[in-house]
N, C-alpha and C. Protein backbone atom coordinates (compact mmCIF):
# COMPACT_ATOMS: atom_id res chain seq x y z
N MET A 1 61.53 -54.79 -5.64
CA MET A 1 60.99 -56.13 -5.59
C MET A 1 62.16 -57.08 -5.39
N PRO A 2 62.08 -57.96 -4.39
CA PRO A 2 63.18 -58.90 -4.15
C PRO A 2 63.30 -59.90 -5.30
N PRO A 3 64.49 -60.47 -5.47
CA PRO A 3 64.67 -61.45 -6.55
C PRO A 3 63.84 -62.69 -6.28
N LYS A 4 63.50 -63.40 -7.38
CA LYS A 4 62.75 -64.65 -7.23
C LYS A 4 63.66 -65.69 -6.59
N PRO A 5 63.08 -66.53 -5.71
CA PRO A 5 63.92 -67.54 -5.06
C PRO A 5 64.41 -68.57 -6.07
N ARG A 6 65.63 -69.03 -5.85
CA ARG A 6 66.18 -70.09 -6.69
C ARG A 6 65.83 -71.43 -6.05
N LEU A 7 65.30 -72.31 -6.87
CA LEU A 7 64.95 -73.64 -6.40
C LEU A 7 65.84 -74.66 -7.10
N ARG A 8 66.19 -75.70 -6.39
CA ARG A 8 67.00 -76.78 -6.95
C ARG A 8 66.20 -78.07 -6.81
N ASN A 9 66.03 -78.77 -7.92
CA ASN A 9 65.32 -80.04 -7.91
C ASN A 9 66.32 -81.14 -7.60
N THR A 10 66.13 -81.80 -6.47
CA THR A 10 67.01 -82.91 -6.09
C THR A 10 66.23 -84.21 -6.06
N GLY A 11 65.20 -84.25 -6.90
CA GLY A 11 64.36 -85.45 -6.94
C GLY A 11 65.06 -86.63 -7.61
N GLY A 12 64.40 -87.72 -7.66
CA GLY A 12 64.97 -88.93 -8.26
C GLY A 12 63.95 -90.04 -8.23
N SER A 13 64.43 -91.27 -8.18
CA SER A 13 63.50 -92.40 -8.10
C SER A 13 63.72 -93.16 -6.81
N ALA A 14 62.62 -93.67 -6.33
CA ALA A 14 62.64 -94.45 -5.09
C ALA A 14 62.54 -95.94 -5.46
N LYS A 15 62.59 -96.77 -4.43
CA LYS A 15 62.42 -98.21 -4.65
C LYS A 15 61.10 -98.44 -5.36
N GLY A 16 61.08 -99.40 -6.25
CA GLY A 16 59.86 -99.73 -6.97
C GLY A 16 59.63 -98.81 -8.16
N GLY A 17 60.62 -97.95 -8.52
CA GLY A 17 60.52 -97.12 -9.70
C GLY A 17 59.65 -95.88 -9.56
N LYS A 18 59.19 -95.55 -8.35
CA LYS A 18 58.35 -94.37 -8.17
C LYS A 18 59.22 -93.11 -8.22
N GLN A 19 58.72 -92.13 -8.91
CA GLN A 19 59.43 -90.86 -9.03
C GLN A 19 59.04 -89.94 -7.87
N PHE A 20 59.95 -89.12 -7.42
CA PHE A 20 59.64 -88.12 -6.40
C PHE A 20 60.40 -86.84 -6.72
N ALA A 21 59.92 -85.76 -6.16
CA ALA A 21 60.59 -84.47 -6.36
C ALA A 21 60.89 -83.88 -5.00
N ARG A 22 62.04 -83.32 -4.90
CA ARG A 22 62.41 -82.61 -3.69
C ARG A 22 62.98 -81.28 -4.15
N LEU A 23 62.36 -80.19 -3.70
CA LEU A 23 62.82 -78.85 -4.07
C LEU A 23 63.53 -78.24 -2.88
N THR A 24 64.66 -77.66 -3.12
CA THR A 24 65.43 -77.01 -2.06
C THR A 24 65.48 -75.52 -2.34
N LEU A 25 65.03 -74.73 -1.39
CA LEU A 25 65.09 -73.27 -1.50
C LEU A 25 66.52 -72.84 -1.20
N GLU A 26 67.14 -72.18 -2.16
CA GLU A 26 68.55 -71.81 -2.01
C GLU A 26 68.75 -70.37 -1.57
N GLU A 27 67.69 -69.60 -1.54
CA GLU A 27 67.84 -68.19 -1.16
C GLU A 27 66.62 -67.75 -0.36
N ASP A 28 66.85 -67.08 0.75
CA ASP A 28 65.77 -66.57 1.61
C ASP A 28 65.35 -65.20 1.10
N THR A 29 64.14 -65.11 0.54
CA THR A 29 63.63 -63.81 0.08
C THR A 29 62.60 -63.24 1.04
N LEU A 30 62.08 -64.06 1.92
CA LEU A 30 61.04 -63.59 2.85
C LEU A 30 61.61 -62.66 3.91
N THR A 31 62.72 -63.04 4.52
CA THR A 31 63.29 -62.24 5.60
C THR A 31 63.65 -60.82 5.16
N PRO A 32 64.35 -60.61 4.04
CA PRO A 32 64.64 -59.23 3.63
C PRO A 32 63.37 -58.42 3.34
N THR A 33 62.37 -59.10 2.79
CA THR A 33 61.11 -58.40 2.49
C THR A 33 60.44 -57.95 3.78
N ILE A 34 60.38 -58.81 4.76
CA ILE A 34 59.76 -58.46 6.04
C ILE A 34 60.55 -57.34 6.73
N ARG A 35 61.86 -57.42 6.65
CA ARG A 35 62.69 -56.38 7.28
C ARG A 35 62.51 -55.02 6.60
N SER A 36 62.17 -55.00 5.33
CA SER A 36 62.01 -53.74 4.60
C SER A 36 60.63 -53.11 4.81
N LEU A 37 59.68 -53.84 5.38
CA LEU A 37 58.31 -53.31 5.53
C LEU A 37 58.23 -52.00 6.32
N PRO A 38 58.89 -51.85 7.46
CA PRO A 38 58.77 -50.56 8.16
C PRO A 38 59.23 -49.38 7.31
N ARG A 39 60.29 -49.57 6.53
CA ARG A 39 60.78 -48.49 5.66
C ARG A 39 59.77 -48.19 4.55
N ILE A 40 59.19 -49.23 3.98
CA ILE A 40 58.20 -49.07 2.91
C ILE A 40 56.97 -48.35 3.44
N ILE A 41 56.47 -48.77 4.60
CA ILE A 41 55.27 -48.16 5.17
C ILE A 41 55.54 -46.72 5.59
N ASP A 42 56.72 -46.45 6.13
CA ASP A 42 57.08 -45.07 6.50
C ASP A 42 57.09 -44.18 5.26
N LYS A 43 57.60 -44.70 4.16
CA LYS A 43 57.62 -43.91 2.91
C LYS A 43 56.20 -43.66 2.41
N ILE A 44 55.32 -44.64 2.52
CA ILE A 44 53.92 -44.47 2.12
C ILE A 44 53.27 -43.39 2.97
N ILE A 45 53.50 -43.43 4.27
CA ILE A 45 52.90 -42.43 5.18
C ILE A 45 53.45 -41.05 4.86
N ALA A 46 54.76 -40.92 4.69
CA ALA A 46 55.37 -39.62 4.41
C ALA A 46 54.84 -39.04 3.10
N THR A 47 54.75 -39.86 2.07
CA THR A 47 54.25 -39.40 0.77
C THR A 47 52.80 -38.95 0.87
N THR A 48 51.99 -39.70 1.59
CA THR A 48 50.58 -39.35 1.74
C THR A 48 50.42 -38.05 2.51
N LEU A 49 51.17 -37.88 3.59
CA LEU A 49 51.08 -36.63 4.36
C LEU A 49 51.57 -35.45 3.53
N ASN A 50 52.63 -35.63 2.75
CA ASN A 50 53.12 -34.56 1.88
C ASN A 50 52.06 -34.17 0.84
N TYR A 51 51.29 -35.14 0.37
CA TYR A 51 50.22 -34.89 -0.59
C TYR A 51 49.11 -34.04 0.04
N PHE A 52 48.74 -34.36 1.28
CA PHE A 52 47.64 -33.66 1.93
C PHE A 52 48.02 -32.31 2.54
N GLU A 53 49.29 -32.08 2.78
CA GLU A 53 49.74 -30.83 3.41
C GLU A 53 49.23 -29.58 2.68
N PRO A 54 49.47 -29.41 1.38
CA PRO A 54 48.96 -28.20 0.72
C PRO A 54 47.44 -28.17 0.60
N LYS A 55 46.82 -29.32 0.50
CA LYS A 55 45.36 -29.37 0.42
C LYS A 55 44.74 -28.84 1.72
N MET A 56 45.30 -29.23 2.85
CA MET A 56 44.78 -28.76 4.14
C MET A 56 45.01 -27.26 4.30
N GLU A 57 46.19 -26.81 3.93
CA GLU A 57 46.49 -25.38 4.05
C GLU A 57 45.55 -24.56 3.17
N ASN A 58 45.36 -24.97 1.93
CA ASN A 58 44.47 -24.23 1.04
C ASN A 58 43.02 -24.25 1.52
N TYR A 59 42.57 -25.40 2.01
CA TYR A 59 41.21 -25.51 2.54
C TYR A 59 41.02 -24.53 3.69
N ALA A 60 41.98 -24.49 4.61
CA ALA A 60 41.87 -23.58 5.76
C ALA A 60 41.82 -22.12 5.29
N LYS A 61 42.66 -21.77 4.35
CA LYS A 61 42.69 -20.38 3.87
C LYS A 61 41.39 -20.01 3.15
N LEU A 62 40.84 -20.93 2.38
CA LEU A 62 39.62 -20.64 1.63
C LEU A 62 38.35 -20.67 2.48
N ASN A 63 38.37 -21.43 3.56
CA ASN A 63 37.15 -21.64 4.35
C ASN A 63 37.12 -20.93 5.69
N ALA A 64 38.15 -20.19 6.02
CA ALA A 64 38.14 -19.41 7.27
C ALA A 64 37.02 -18.37 7.16
N GLU A 65 36.15 -18.33 8.16
CA GLU A 65 34.93 -17.52 8.05
C GLU A 65 35.06 -16.10 8.59
N TRP A 66 36.24 -15.71 9.02
CA TRP A 66 36.35 -14.36 9.53
C TRP A 66 36.47 -13.36 8.37
N THR A 67 36.21 -12.09 8.68
CA THR A 67 36.36 -11.01 7.70
C THR A 67 37.79 -10.49 7.77
N ASP A 68 38.43 -10.49 6.61
CA ASP A 68 39.82 -10.02 6.55
C ASP A 68 39.88 -8.50 6.69
N ARG A 69 40.84 -8.05 7.47
CA ARG A 69 41.14 -6.61 7.51
C ARG A 69 42.48 -6.36 6.83
N THR A 70 43.46 -7.19 7.16
CA THR A 70 44.78 -7.04 6.53
C THR A 70 45.13 -8.24 5.66
N GLY A 71 44.47 -9.36 5.86
CA GLY A 71 44.81 -10.59 5.15
C GLY A 71 45.93 -11.37 5.79
N ASN A 72 46.51 -10.80 6.87
CA ASN A 72 47.65 -11.47 7.52
C ASN A 72 47.27 -12.80 8.14
N ALA A 73 46.11 -12.86 8.80
CA ALA A 73 45.71 -14.11 9.47
C ALA A 73 45.47 -15.21 8.44
N ARG A 74 44.76 -14.89 7.37
CA ARG A 74 44.47 -15.89 6.34
C ARG A 74 45.77 -16.34 5.66
N ASN A 75 46.60 -15.39 5.28
CA ASN A 75 47.87 -15.73 4.63
C ASN A 75 48.83 -16.44 5.59
N GLY A 76 48.62 -16.25 6.89
CA GLY A 76 49.49 -16.86 7.89
C GLY A 76 49.09 -18.26 8.28
N LEU A 77 48.00 -18.78 7.72
CA LEU A 77 47.65 -20.18 7.97
C LEU A 77 48.62 -21.06 7.19
N ALA A 78 49.15 -22.08 7.85
CA ALA A 78 50.13 -22.94 7.19
C ALA A 78 49.99 -24.38 7.68
N ALA A 79 50.40 -25.29 6.83
CA ALA A 79 50.44 -26.71 7.19
C ALA A 79 51.83 -27.24 6.85
N ARG A 80 52.36 -28.06 7.74
CA ARG A 80 53.67 -28.68 7.52
C ARG A 80 53.59 -30.14 7.97
N SER A 81 54.14 -31.01 7.16
CA SER A 81 54.23 -32.41 7.58
C SER A 81 55.66 -32.67 8.03
N GLY A 82 55.81 -33.64 8.90
CA GLY A 82 57.14 -33.92 9.42
C GLY A 82 57.19 -35.21 10.18
N ALA A 83 58.30 -35.43 10.85
CA ALA A 83 58.51 -36.65 11.63
C ALA A 83 59.27 -36.31 12.89
N ASP A 84 58.96 -37.06 13.93
CA ASP A 84 59.67 -36.96 15.20
C ASP A 84 59.91 -38.39 15.67
N GLY A 85 61.08 -38.90 15.39
CA GLY A 85 61.35 -40.30 15.70
C GLY A 85 60.54 -41.18 14.77
N LYS A 86 59.73 -42.05 15.34
CA LYS A 86 58.89 -42.95 14.54
C LYS A 86 57.50 -42.40 14.29
N THR A 87 57.26 -41.15 14.72
CA THR A 87 55.95 -40.54 14.57
C THR A 87 55.95 -39.57 13.39
N ARG A 88 54.96 -39.67 12.53
CA ARG A 88 54.78 -38.73 11.41
C ARG A 88 53.52 -37.92 11.68
N PHE A 89 53.49 -36.68 11.18
CA PHE A 89 52.37 -35.80 11.50
C PHE A 89 52.21 -34.70 10.47
N ILE A 90 51.03 -34.05 10.51
CA ILE A 90 50.80 -32.79 9.81
C ILE A 90 50.39 -31.80 10.89
N VAL A 91 51.01 -30.64 10.87
CA VAL A 91 50.67 -29.56 11.80
C VAL A 91 50.02 -28.44 10.99
N LEU A 92 48.87 -28.00 11.42
CA LEU A 92 48.17 -26.87 10.81
C LEU A 92 48.18 -25.76 11.85
N PHE A 93 48.65 -24.56 11.48
CA PHE A 93 48.87 -23.54 12.49
C PHE A 93 48.72 -22.12 11.94
N HIS A 94 48.55 -21.19 12.87
CA HIS A 94 48.53 -19.76 12.57
C HIS A 94 49.95 -19.21 12.72
N GLN A 95 50.25 -18.17 11.95
CA GLN A 95 51.55 -17.51 12.08
C GLN A 95 51.40 -16.07 12.54
N VAL A 96 50.20 -15.73 13.01
CA VAL A 96 50.00 -14.39 13.59
C VAL A 96 49.73 -14.59 15.08
N PRO A 97 50.16 -13.65 15.93
CA PRO A 97 50.00 -13.81 17.37
C PRO A 97 48.54 -13.92 17.82
N TYR A 98 47.62 -13.34 17.08
CA TYR A 98 46.22 -13.36 17.49
C TYR A 98 45.44 -14.53 16.89
N GLY A 99 46.13 -15.44 16.21
CA GLY A 99 45.46 -16.60 15.60
C GLY A 99 44.72 -17.45 16.62
N ILE A 100 45.27 -17.56 17.82
CA ILE A 100 44.60 -18.35 18.87
C ILE A 100 43.22 -17.81 19.18
N TRP A 101 43.09 -16.46 19.12
CA TRP A 101 41.80 -15.85 19.45
C TRP A 101 40.77 -16.10 18.36
N LEU A 102 41.22 -16.23 17.13
CA LEU A 102 40.29 -16.60 16.06
C LEU A 102 39.77 -18.02 16.28
N GLU A 103 40.56 -18.85 16.91
CA GLU A 103 40.17 -20.24 17.14
C GLU A 103 39.25 -20.41 18.35
N VAL A 104 39.46 -19.63 19.41
CA VAL A 104 38.74 -19.90 20.66
C VAL A 104 37.69 -18.85 21.02
N ARG A 105 37.84 -17.64 20.55
CA ARG A 105 36.90 -16.58 20.94
C ARG A 105 35.52 -16.85 20.34
N PHE A 106 34.49 -16.39 21.01
CA PHE A 106 33.09 -16.58 20.58
C PHE A 106 32.77 -18.06 20.40
N SER A 107 33.25 -18.87 21.34
CA SER A 107 33.01 -20.32 21.34
C SER A 107 33.45 -20.98 20.04
N GLY A 108 34.53 -20.48 19.47
CA GLY A 108 35.09 -21.09 18.26
C GLY A 108 34.36 -20.74 16.98
N LYS A 109 33.56 -19.68 17.00
CA LYS A 109 32.78 -19.29 15.82
C LYS A 109 33.66 -19.13 14.57
N TYR A 110 34.87 -18.61 14.74
CA TYR A 110 35.75 -18.37 13.60
C TYR A 110 36.88 -19.40 13.50
N ALA A 111 36.77 -20.48 14.24
CA ALA A 111 37.80 -21.52 14.22
C ALA A 111 37.90 -22.15 12.83
N ILE A 112 39.11 -22.45 12.44
CA ILE A 112 39.33 -23.14 11.16
C ILE A 112 40.27 -24.34 11.31
N ILE A 113 41.08 -24.38 12.36
CA ILE A 113 42.03 -25.48 12.53
C ILE A 113 41.29 -26.82 12.73
N MET A 114 40.44 -26.91 13.74
CA MET A 114 39.73 -28.18 13.99
C MET A 114 38.76 -28.54 12.87
N PRO A 115 38.03 -27.59 12.29
CA PRO A 115 37.18 -27.97 11.15
C PRO A 115 37.99 -28.55 9.98
N THR A 116 39.19 -28.04 9.77
CA THR A 116 40.04 -28.57 8.69
C THR A 116 40.50 -29.98 9.04
N ILE A 117 40.89 -30.19 10.28
CA ILE A 117 41.30 -31.53 10.72
C ILE A 117 40.13 -32.51 10.62
N ASP A 118 38.94 -32.04 11.03
CA ASP A 118 37.75 -32.90 10.93
C ASP A 118 37.44 -33.26 9.48
N GLU A 119 37.68 -32.32 8.58
CA GLU A 119 37.42 -32.56 7.15
C GLU A 119 38.45 -33.53 6.55
N PHE A 120 39.71 -33.36 6.88
CA PHE A 120 40.76 -34.12 6.21
C PHE A 120 41.20 -35.38 6.95
N GLY A 121 40.95 -35.48 8.23
CA GLY A 121 41.35 -36.68 8.97
C GLY A 121 40.85 -37.96 8.32
N PRO A 122 39.54 -38.06 8.06
CA PRO A 122 39.03 -39.27 7.40
C PRO A 122 39.61 -39.48 5.99
N GLN A 123 39.83 -38.38 5.27
CA GLN A 123 40.40 -38.50 3.92
C GLN A 123 41.82 -39.08 3.96
N VAL A 124 42.60 -38.61 4.92
CA VAL A 124 43.98 -39.11 5.06
C VAL A 124 43.96 -40.59 5.41
N MET A 125 43.12 -40.98 6.35
CA MET A 125 43.06 -42.38 6.75
C MET A 125 42.55 -43.26 5.61
N ASP A 126 41.55 -42.77 4.84
CA ASP A 126 41.07 -43.54 3.68
C ASP A 126 42.17 -43.70 2.65
N ALA A 127 42.95 -42.65 2.44
CA ALA A 127 44.06 -42.72 1.48
C ALA A 127 45.08 -43.77 1.93
N PHE A 128 45.42 -43.78 3.22
CA PHE A 128 46.34 -44.80 3.74
C PHE A 128 45.78 -46.19 3.46
N GLN A 129 44.51 -46.38 3.76
CA GLN A 129 43.89 -47.70 3.60
C GLN A 129 43.94 -48.14 2.14
N LYS A 130 43.60 -47.25 1.22
CA LYS A 130 43.60 -47.60 -0.21
C LYS A 130 45.00 -47.94 -0.69
N ILE A 131 45.99 -47.17 -0.27
CA ILE A 131 47.36 -47.43 -0.70
C ILE A 131 47.85 -48.76 -0.15
N LEU A 132 47.58 -49.02 1.12
CA LEU A 132 48.03 -50.28 1.72
C LEU A 132 47.30 -51.47 1.11
N ASP A 133 45.99 -51.31 0.82
CA ASP A 133 45.24 -52.40 0.19
C ASP A 133 45.80 -52.71 -1.20
N LYS A 134 46.20 -51.67 -1.92
CA LYS A 134 46.76 -51.88 -3.26
C LYS A 134 48.15 -52.49 -3.18
N ARG A 135 48.95 -52.00 -2.24
CA ARG A 135 50.34 -52.48 -2.09
C ARG A 135 50.40 -53.89 -1.51
N PHE A 136 49.47 -54.18 -0.58
CA PHE A 136 49.45 -55.48 0.09
C PHE A 136 48.07 -56.09 -0.07
N PRO A 137 47.72 -56.59 -1.25
CA PRO A 137 46.38 -57.14 -1.48
C PRO A 137 46.10 -58.32 -0.55
N GLY A 138 44.86 -58.44 -0.17
CA GLY A 138 44.47 -59.52 0.73
C GLY A 138 44.48 -59.10 2.18
N GLY A 139 45.20 -58.05 2.49
CA GLY A 139 45.22 -57.52 3.85
C GLY A 139 45.79 -58.49 4.86
N PRO A 140 45.62 -58.15 6.12
CA PRO A 140 46.17 -59.00 7.19
C PRO A 140 45.40 -60.32 7.31
N VAL A 141 46.08 -61.33 7.77
CA VAL A 141 45.44 -62.62 8.01
C VAL A 141 44.68 -62.53 9.32
N SER A 142 43.41 -62.92 9.31
CA SER A 142 42.60 -62.85 10.55
C SER A 142 42.67 -64.15 11.29
């Protein structure tokens, strides 16, 4: 939290004995706060994605509808969050060579990647919205 601005009262009296107040802002707190917003928002996004990463991975492992023979495909489902420049993401993927066939064969009957994204996409966006609403009450000016 930035320091509170220092104000200096340079008021006095005018002709006719009327009192006036003049406040002088001695420190700019708005500019540093605005400059720190991208870093703050990036941290919020990274923390939220890190929170959802294991939830998505566990959901995929528990809800994959195929019958296990070795357990390799189910155990090979993984989620990782990361960043590439200014872009943050979660990647959900198979670690077995035949994972692609579980996703596309039989018109996606055994697919789990897109159903997991469909399940968690709205949850992630709602979480972002709630965090930003709490951090920045009142929202954007319309």
